[in-house]
Amino acid sequence: MESDIKGIVEALLFVADEPLTLKKLIGVTSFEASLIEKAIKELSDECQKENRGIQIREVAGGYRFFTHPAYCPYVEKLILSADYRKLSQASLETLAIIAYKQPITRVQIGAIRGVNSAGSVASLQEKGLVKEIGRERGPGQPIMYGTTKIFLENFGLKSIEELPPLKDFTPDEETRHQLQLKLMSEPVENLEENKG
């Protein structure tokens, strides 16, 4: 019976297009939570011990198969060869801002990026990575955006709290100093020519 449970759970995880919560697995199988958790643990251990191409991870409140990190380059090559759509640089920047600053309005995103981000926000919504999560109080009540479960799934996160801290991306003192020197050494246009 226990091997059947393990096989059933494995089959469900294989065909699911989103993480399966324990509640969902119980609802589909009618097995006790402890038996399902044991099956997931055993499957996960087997995948690791046998160095399989997949792993089971808990993400976005459920369980899902993921490619083993060692084999990601091969999967990426396959996906890229099939001309899968990737996010543009503008969309990646916009997504990062939304992920770290949510809830956030389109105007606030544009202020951070320095350009209008309406197209990027719309593209991210089409892909299901961001959604409208409310409206800001105040004039015009602009729409506020946040990330979705699909975002968590695609980035392998259990929750938004698992995002790496922003300080990990801050340049060190030496790099900041070099950038400042470079900016100061660039020629400045004659401001008088631009007046009136």
Protein backbone atom coordinates (compact mmCIF):
# COMPACT_ATOMS: atom_id res chain seq x y z
CA MET A 1 0.00 0.00 0.00
CA GLU A 2 2.79 2.46 0.91
CA SER A 3 4.55 1.90 -2.42
CA ASP A 4 1.22 2.64 -4.12
CA ILE A 5 0.96 5.92 -2.20
CA LYS A 6 4.46 6.88 -3.29
CA GLY A 7 3.69 6.03 -6.93
CA ILE A 8 0.41 7.93 -6.83
CA VAL A 9 2.03 11.04 -5.31
CA GLU A 10 4.85 10.85 -7.87
CA ALA A 11 2.34 10.61 -10.75
CA LEU A 12 0.35 13.57 -9.43
CA LEU A 13 3.46 15.73 -9.04
CA PHE A 14 4.56 14.75 -12.55
CA VAL A 15 1.34 15.83 -14.27
CA ALA A 16 0.58 18.92 -12.17
CA ASP A 17 1.22 22.25 -13.84
CA GLU A 18 1.42 24.04 -10.48
CA PRO A 19 2.67 23.14 -7.00
CA LEU A 20 0.38 20.69 -5.22
CA THR A 21 -0.47 21.59 -1.64
CA LEU A 22 -0.77 18.92 1.01
CA LYS A 23 -4.47 19.76 1.23
CA LYS A 24 -4.89 19.20 -2.53
CA LEU A 25 -3.01 15.88 -2.38
CA ILE A 26 -5.20 14.74 0.51
CA GLY A 27 -8.33 15.79 -1.40
CA VAL A 28 -7.32 13.87 -4.53
CA THR A 29 -6.01 10.72 -2.82
CA SER A 30 -7.95 10.57 0.48
CA PHE A 31 -4.69 9.47 2.14
CA GLU A 32 -3.67 10.79 5.55
CA ALA A 33 -1.34 13.78 5.62
CA SER A 34 1.39 11.81 7.40
CA LEU A 35 1.42 9.13 4.66
CA ILE A 36 1.62 11.74 1.89
CA GLU A 37 4.41 13.64 3.69
CA LYS A 38 6.30 10.36 4.16
CA ALA A 39 5.89 9.52 0.45
CA ILE A 40 7.15 12.97 -0.56
CA LYS A 41 10.16 12.64 1.77
CA GLU A 42 11.00 9.18 0.41
CA LEU A 43 10.65 10.32 -3.20
CA SER A 44 12.81 13.35 -2.51
CA ASP A 45 15.47 11.21 -0.81
CA GLU A 46 15.45 8.73 -3.72
CA CYS A 47 15.90 11.54 -6.24
CA GLN A 48 18.92 12.78 -4.31
CA LYS A 49 20.48 9.38 -3.60
CA GLU A 50 20.12 8.15 -7.17
CA ASN A 51 21.30 11.47 -8.62
CA ARG A 52 18.15 11.76 -10.73
CA GLY A 53 17.52 14.61 -13.12
CA ILE A 54 14.66 15.91 -11.00
CA GLN A 55 14.13 16.98 -7.42
CA ILE A 56 11.04 17.64 -5.35
CA ARG A 57 10.90 21.10 -3.81
CA GLU A 58 8.40 22.89 -1.65
CA VAL A 59 7.49 26.16 -3.39
CA ALA A 60 4.60 28.61 -3.21
CA GLY A 61 2.88 26.56 -0.51
CA GLY A 62 3.03 23.24 -2.37
CA TYR A 63 5.29 20.55 -3.84
CA ARG A 64 6.64 20.37 -7.36
CA PHE A 65 9.27 18.65 -9.50
CA PHE A 66 12.27 20.77 -10.51
CA THR A 67 15.29 20.05 -12.67
CA HIS A 68 18.38 19.01 -10.70
CA PRO A 69 20.68 22.09 -10.68
CA ALA A 70 23.55 20.08 -12.18
CA TYR A 71 21.47 19.40 -15.29
CA CYS A 72 20.04 22.90 -15.76
CA PRO A 73 22.50 23.84 -18.55
CA TYR A 74 21.16 20.98 -20.70
CA VAL A 75 17.54 21.90 -20.02
CA GLU A 76 18.30 25.56 -20.77
CA LYS A 77 19.92 24.55 -24.06
CA LEU A 78 16.82 22.57 -25.04
CA ILE A 79 14.46 25.36 -24.06
CA LEU A 80 16.51 28.03 -25.82
CA SER A 81 16.78 25.91 -28.95
CA ALA A 82 13.00 25.71 -29.05
CA ASP A 83 12.95 29.53 -29.15
CA TYR A 84 11.08 29.91 -25.87
CA ARG A 85 10.25 33.49 -25.04
CA LYS A 86 12.45 35.10 -22.45
CA LEU A 87 11.91 38.30 -20.54
CA SER A 88 13.42 41.45 -22.02
CA GLN A 89 15.91 43.47 -19.99
CA ALA A 90 13.20 46.09 -19.36
CA SER A 91 10.78 43.40 -18.14
CA LEU A 92 13.43 41.88 -15.86
CA GLU A 93 14.16 45.28 -14.32
CA THR A 94 10.46 45.95 -13.85
CA LEU A 95 9.87 42.51 -12.34
CA ALA A 96 12.75 42.99 -9.88
CA ILE A 97 11.36 46.36 -8.79
CA ILE A 98 7.88 44.92 -8.29
CA ALA A 99 9.22 41.89 -6.40
CA TYR A 100 11.27 43.96 -3.97
CA LYS A 101 8.99 47.00 -3.59
CA GLN A 102 5.48 45.50 -3.77
CA PRO A 103 2.86 46.81 -3.49
CA ILE A 104 3.92 49.46 -6.00
CA THR A 105 2.25 51.63 -8.63
CA ARG A 106 3.27 51.95 -12.27
CA VAL A 107 4.29 55.59 -11.68
CA GLN A 108 6.57 54.52 -8.80
CA ILE A 109 8.12 51.82 -11.02
CA GLY A 110 8.73 54.41 -13.73
CA ALA A 111 10.32 56.78 -11.23
CA ILE A 112 12.79 54.09 -10.15
CA ARG A 113 13.60 52.99 -13.72
CA GLY A 114 13.59 56.50 -15.14
CA VAL A 115 11.32 55.51 -18.04
CA ASN A 116 7.66 54.69 -18.60
CA SER A 117 7.16 51.04 -17.66
CA ALA A 118 3.56 50.52 -18.82
CA GLY A 119 4.60 48.09 -21.58
CA SER A 120 6.77 46.01 -19.27
CA VAL A 121 4.05 45.82 -16.61
CA ALA A 122 1.50 44.73 -19.24
CA SER A 123 3.89 42.07 -20.57
CA LEU A 124 4.52 40.73 -17.06
CA GLN A 125 0.77 40.60 -16.43
CA GLU A 126 0.25 38.63 -19.66
CA LYS A 127 2.84 36.11 -18.50
CA GLY A 128 1.09 35.84 -15.12
CA LEU A 129 4.16 37.00 -13.17
CA VAL A 130 2.53 40.13 -11.71
CA LYS A 131 -1.03 41.14 -10.97
CA GLU A 132 -3.10 44.03 -9.69
CA ILE A 133 -3.29 43.71 -5.91
CA GLY A 134 -5.25 46.80 -5.01
CA ARG A 135 -5.41 50.55 -5.36
CA GLU A 136 -3.41 53.22 -3.60
CA ARG A 137 -5.41 55.67 -1.54
CA GLY A 138 -5.18 59.20 -2.77
CA PRO A 139 -5.68 61.15 -5.98
CA GLY A 140 -6.62 58.95 -8.91
CA GLN A 141 -6.30 55.79 -6.80
CA PRO A 142 -3.57 54.26 -9.01
CA ILE A 143 -3.39 50.48 -9.36
CA MET A 144 -0.83 48.73 -7.17
CA TYR A 145 1.05 45.68 -8.47
CA GLY A 146 2.59 42.64 -6.83
CA THR A 147 4.00 39.27 -7.80
CA THR A 148 1.97 36.07 -8.24
CA LYS A 149 2.26 32.40 -7.33
CA ILE A 150 3.52 31.81 -10.87
CA PHE A 151 6.41 34.18 -10.08
CA LEU A 152 7.23 32.14 -6.96
CA GLU A 153 7.02 28.88 -8.93
CA ASN A 154 9.20 30.10 -11.80
CA PHE A 155 11.86 31.41 -9.46
CA GLY A 156 11.72 28.41 -7.11
CA LEU A 157 10.66 30.38 -4.04
CA LYS A 158 8.38 29.32 -1.18
CA SER A 159 7.54 32.95 -0.45
CA ILE A 160 8.68 36.44 -1.38
CA GLU A 161 10.75 36.52 1.82
CA GLU A 162 13.19 34.08 0.14
CA LEU A 163 14.35 36.75 -2.33
CA PRO A 164 18.04 37.51 -1.76
CA PRO A 165 18.61 40.74 0.20
CA LEU A 166 19.14 43.82 -1.95
CA LYS A 167 22.44 44.49 -0.18
CA ASP A 168 23.82 41.43 -1.99
CA PHE A 169 23.55 43.43 -5.22
CA THR A 170 25.02 46.70 -3.95
CA PRO A 171 28.45 47.48 -5.39
CA ASP A 172 31.31 47.53 -2.90
CA GLU A 173 33.02 50.78 -1.91
CA GLU A 174 35.84 50.40 -4.47
CA THR A 175 33.40 49.81 -7.34
CA ARG A 176 31.30 52.83 -6.32
CA HIS A 177 34.47 54.95 -6.15
CA GLN A 178 35.57 53.82 -9.64
CA LEU A 179 32.11 54.60 -11.07
CA GLN A 180 32.17 58.03 -9.48
CA LEU A 181 35.63 58.76 -10.94
CA LYS A 182 34.49 57.61 -14.38
CA LEU A 183 31.40 59.81 -14.26
CA MET A 184 33.44 62.83 -13.13
CA SER A 185 36.02 62.37 -15.90
CA GLU A 186 33.49 62.40 -18.75
CA PRO A 187 33.27 65.76 -20.61
CA VAL A 188 30.42 68.04 -19.67
CA GLU A 189 28.60 69.84 -22.49
CA ASN A 190 28.69 73.59 -22.46
CA LEU A 191 25.62 74.58 -20.48
CA GLU A 192 25.61 78.09 -21.99
CA GLU A 193 24.80 76.63 -25.42
CA ASN A 194 21.70 74.97 -24.02
CA LYS A 195 20.30 78.13 -22.44
CA GLY A 196 17.37 80.02 -23.92
